[in-house]
Amino acid sequence: MKNVVDEKSSDLWANLVGWYTADINGEEHVFSLLSDALRAYDAHVMETSQHIATRSQLNLPEEWSDVSAAGRGDEG
């Protein structure tokens, strides 16, 4: 995930906040909101792992009910 701003833009939002890009399957996808970029990346991880992803592989694991508990950091 990457935050991109256009410091030369007269649009204050583009100048200060910008937008987010995520590399998904080798393609750069652009999102207005960080939350949208995180969710798209998580959906890609779940799809490519055939829903056998661990919590530590996701940005928002609490949004996925079928995520493996491994890697969540509280075992042991």
N, C-alpha and C. Protein backbone atom coordinates (compact mmCIF):
# COMPACT_ATOMS: atom_id res chain seq x y z
N MET A 1 0.84 -1.16 0.00
CA MET A 1 0.00 0.00 0.00
C MET A 1 0.89 1.23 0.00
N LYS A 2 0.44 2.22 -0.74
CA LYS A 2 1.23 3.43 -0.86
C LYS A 2 0.30 4.63 -0.90
N ASN A 3 0.66 5.68 -0.17
CA ASN A 3 -0.08 6.93 -0.20
C ASN A 3 0.59 7.85 -1.22
N VAL A 4 -0.21 8.41 -2.13
CA VAL A 4 0.31 9.27 -3.18
C VAL A 4 -0.35 10.64 -3.05
N VAL A 5 0.44 11.70 -3.11
CA VAL A 5 -0.10 13.06 -3.12
C VAL A 5 0.43 13.79 -4.34
N ASP A 6 -0.29 14.81 -4.75
CA ASP A 6 0.14 15.66 -5.86
C ASP A 6 0.39 17.04 -5.29
N GLU A 7 1.62 17.32 -4.94
CA GLU A 7 1.97 18.58 -4.29
C GLU A 7 1.79 19.79 -5.20
N LYS A 8 1.67 19.58 -6.50
CA LYS A 8 1.50 20.68 -7.45
C LYS A 8 0.04 20.97 -7.74
N SER A 9 -0.85 20.12 -7.22
CA SER A 9 -2.28 20.27 -7.51
C SER A 9 -2.87 21.45 -6.75
N SER A 10 -3.84 22.12 -7.38
CA SER A 10 -4.57 23.18 -6.69
C SER A 10 -5.69 22.59 -5.84
N ASP A 11 -5.97 21.31 -6.04
CA ASP A 11 -6.98 20.60 -5.24
C ASP A 11 -6.35 20.26 -3.90
N LEU A 12 -6.86 20.87 -2.82
CA LEU A 12 -6.27 20.66 -1.50
C LEU A 12 -6.27 19.21 -1.07
N TRP A 13 -7.31 18.47 -1.41
CA TRP A 13 -7.37 17.06 -1.02
C TRP A 13 -6.24 16.27 -1.69
N ALA A 14 -6.09 16.44 -2.98
CA ALA A 14 -5.02 15.76 -3.71
C ALA A 14 -3.65 16.22 -3.23
N ASN A 15 -3.57 17.48 -2.85
CA ASN A 15 -2.31 18.08 -2.41
C ASN A 15 -1.89 17.61 -1.03
N LEU A 16 -2.81 17.48 -0.11
CA LEU A 16 -2.48 17.15 1.28
C LEU A 16 -2.74 15.69 1.65
N VAL A 17 -3.88 15.16 1.24
CA VAL A 17 -4.29 13.81 1.63
C VAL A 17 -3.93 12.80 0.54
N GLY A 18 -4.28 13.12 -0.68
CA GLY A 18 -3.96 12.26 -1.81
C GLY A 18 -4.86 11.06 -1.93
N TRP A 19 -4.28 9.98 -2.43
CA TRP A 19 -5.01 8.74 -2.67
C TRP A 19 -4.08 7.58 -2.35
N TYR A 20 -4.61 6.39 -2.43
CA TYR A 20 -3.85 5.20 -2.05
C TYR A 20 -3.77 4.26 -3.24
N THR A 21 -2.64 3.60 -3.36
CA THR A 21 -2.48 2.58 -4.40
C THR A 21 -2.12 1.26 -3.73
N ALA A 22 -2.58 0.20 -4.33
CA ALA A 22 -2.28 -1.15 -3.84
C ALA A 22 -1.88 -2.00 -5.03
N ASP A 23 -0.81 -2.76 -4.88
CA ASP A 23 -0.36 -3.68 -5.92
C ASP A 23 -1.08 -5.01 -5.69
N ILE A 24 -2.00 -5.31 -6.58
CA ILE A 24 -2.77 -6.55 -6.48
C ILE A 24 -2.58 -7.32 -7.78
N ASN A 25 -1.95 -8.48 -7.65
CA ASN A 25 -1.65 -9.33 -8.82
C ASN A 25 -0.80 -8.60 -9.86
N GLY A 26 0.12 -7.77 -9.40
CA GLY A 26 1.00 -7.07 -10.32
C GLY A 26 0.40 -5.84 -10.97
N GLU A 27 -0.83 -5.52 -10.62
CA GLU A 27 -1.50 -4.33 -11.16
C GLU A 27 -1.67 -3.31 -10.06
N GLU A 28 -1.44 -2.04 -10.40
CA GLU A 28 -1.63 -0.97 -9.42
C GLU A 28 -3.09 -0.52 -9.46
N HIS A 29 -3.76 -0.63 -8.33
CA HIS A 29 -5.15 -0.20 -8.20
C HIS A 29 -5.18 1.07 -7.35
N VAL A 30 -6.02 2.01 -7.73
CA VAL A 30 -6.09 3.31 -7.06
C VAL A 30 -7.38 3.39 -6.24
N PHE A 31 -7.25 3.91 -5.01
CA PHE A 31 -8.39 4.03 -4.10
C PHE A 31 -8.40 5.41 -3.46
N SER A 32 -9.57 5.97 -3.27
CA SER A 32 -9.71 7.26 -2.60
C SER A 32 -9.47 7.13 -1.10
N LEU A 33 -9.88 6.00 -0.55
CA LEU A 33 -9.80 5.80 0.90
C LEU A 33 -8.86 4.66 1.24
N LEU A 34 -8.10 4.82 2.30
CA LEU A 34 -7.21 3.77 2.76
C LEU A 34 -8.00 2.52 3.11
N SER A 35 -9.16 2.67 3.73
CA SER A 35 -9.97 1.52 4.11
C SER A 35 -10.36 0.68 2.89
N ASP A 36 -10.67 1.34 1.78
CA ASP A 36 -11.01 0.60 0.56
C ASP A 36 -9.81 -0.17 0.03
N ALA A 37 -8.64 0.43 0.08
CA ALA A 37 -7.42 -0.25 -0.37
C ALA A 37 -7.12 -1.46 0.50
N LEU A 38 -7.27 -1.32 1.81
CA LEU A 38 -7.02 -2.43 2.73
C LEU A 38 -7.99 -3.58 2.48
N ARG A 39 -9.26 -3.25 2.29
CA ARG A 39 -10.26 -4.29 2.04
C ARG A 39 -10.03 -5.00 0.71
N ALA A 40 -9.65 -4.26 -0.32
CA ALA A 40 -9.38 -4.88 -1.62
C ALA A 40 -8.18 -5.81 -1.53
N TYR A 41 -7.15 -5.39 -0.81
CA TYR A 41 -5.98 -6.24 -0.64
C TYR A 41 -6.34 -7.51 0.13
N ASP A 42 -7.10 -7.35 1.21
CA ASP A 42 -7.53 -8.52 1.98
C ASP A 42 -8.36 -9.48 1.14
N ALA A 43 -9.26 -8.96 0.31
CA ALA A 43 -10.07 -9.81 -0.56
C ALA A 43 -9.17 -10.58 -1.53
N HIS A 44 -8.15 -9.92 -2.02
CA HIS A 44 -7.20 -10.59 -2.91
C HIS A 44 -6.46 -11.71 -2.17
N VAL A 45 -6.00 -11.45 -0.95
CA VAL A 45 -5.31 -12.47 -0.16
C VAL A 45 -6.22 -13.66 0.08
N MET A 46 -7.47 -13.40 0.46
CA MET A 46 -8.40 -14.48 0.73
C MET A 46 -8.69 -15.29 -0.54
N GLU A 47 -8.84 -14.60 -1.65
CA GLU A 47 -9.13 -15.29 -2.91
C GLU A 47 -7.95 -16.16 -3.35
N THR A 48 -6.76 -15.61 -3.29
CA THR A 48 -5.59 -16.37 -3.76
C THR A 48 -5.18 -17.47 -2.80
N SER A 49 -5.55 -17.33 -1.52
CA SER A 49 -5.21 -18.39 -0.56
C SER A 49 -6.33 -19.40 -0.43
N GLN A 50 -7.39 -19.23 -1.25
CA GLN A 50 -8.57 -20.09 -1.20
C GLN A 50 -9.15 -20.13 0.22
N HIS A 51 -9.18 -18.98 0.85
CA HIS A 51 -9.73 -18.77 2.19
C HIS A 51 -8.96 -19.53 3.28
N ILE A 52 -7.69 -19.78 3.04
CA ILE A 52 -6.84 -20.43 4.05
C ILE A 52 -5.76 -19.44 4.46
N ALA A 53 -6.15 -18.23 4.75
CA ALA A 53 -5.21 -17.21 5.19
C ALA A 53 -5.19 -17.13 6.70
N THR A 54 -4.10 -16.64 7.24
CA THR A 54 -4.02 -16.43 8.69
C THR A 54 -4.34 -14.97 9.00
N ARG A 55 -4.67 -14.71 10.23
CA ARG A 55 -5.00 -13.35 10.65
C ARG A 55 -3.83 -12.39 10.38
N SER A 56 -2.61 -12.88 10.51
CA SER A 56 -1.45 -12.00 10.33
C SER A 56 -1.23 -11.63 8.86
N GLN A 57 -1.87 -12.31 7.94
CA GLN A 57 -1.73 -12.00 6.52
C GLN A 57 -2.70 -10.89 6.07
N LEU A 58 -3.65 -10.56 6.92
CA LEU A 58 -4.69 -9.60 6.55
C LEU A 58 -4.53 -8.28 7.29
N ASN A 59 -5.02 -7.22 6.67
CA ASN A 59 -5.02 -5.91 7.31
C ASN A 59 -6.19 -5.77 8.29
N LEU A 60 -7.32 -6.35 7.93
CA LEU A 60 -8.54 -6.24 8.74
C LEU A 60 -9.11 -7.64 8.99
N PRO A 61 -8.39 -8.47 9.75
CA PRO A 61 -8.83 -9.86 9.94
C PRO A 61 -10.19 -9.99 10.62
N GLU A 62 -10.57 -9.00 11.39
CA GLU A 62 -11.86 -9.08 12.09
C GLU A 62 -13.04 -9.05 11.13
N GLU A 63 -12.81 -8.67 9.90
CA GLU A 63 -13.88 -8.63 8.90
C GLU A 63 -14.06 -9.95 8.17
N TRP A 64 -13.22 -10.94 8.50
CA TRP A 64 -13.28 -12.24 7.83
C TRP A 64 -13.55 -13.32 8.88
N SER A 65 -14.71 -13.94 8.83
CA SER A 65 -15.08 -14.94 9.82
C SER A 65 -14.38 -16.27 9.61
N ASP A 66 -13.87 -16.51 8.41
CA ASP A 66 -13.28 -17.82 8.11
C ASP A 66 -11.74 -17.77 8.07
N VAL A 67 -11.14 -16.88 8.83
CA VAL A 67 -9.68 -16.75 8.88
C VAL A 67 -9.12 -17.67 9.95
N SER A 68 -8.01 -18.31 9.64
CA SER A 68 -7.32 -19.17 10.60
C SER A 68 -6.83 -18.34 11.77
N ALA A 69 -6.88 -18.89 12.97
CA ALA A 69 -6.43 -18.18 14.15
C ALA A 69 -4.91 -18.07 14.19
N ALA A 70 -4.21 -18.90 13.48
CA ALA A 70 -2.74 -18.88 13.50
C ALA A 70 -2.23 -17.51 13.08
N GLY A 71 -1.24 -17.07 13.79
CA GLY A 71 -0.60 -15.82 13.45
C GLY A 71 -1.25 -14.58 14.02
N ARG A 72 -2.21 -14.74 14.91
CA ARG A 72 -2.86 -13.55 15.44
C ARG A 72 -2.10 -12.93 16.61
N GLY A 73 -1.08 -13.63 17.10
CA GLY A 73 -0.22 -13.04 18.10
C GLY A 73 -0.62 -13.28 19.54
N ASP A 74 -1.72 -13.98 19.80
CA ASP A 74 -2.12 -14.19 21.19
C ASP A 74 -2.15 -15.66 21.57
N GLU A 75 -1.60 -16.52 20.73
CA GLU A 75 -1.58 -17.92 21.11
C GLU A 75 -0.40 -18.18 22.03
N GLY A 76 -0.50 -19.21 22.83
CA GLY A 76 0.61 -19.62 23.67
C GLY A 76 0.46 -19.25 25.06
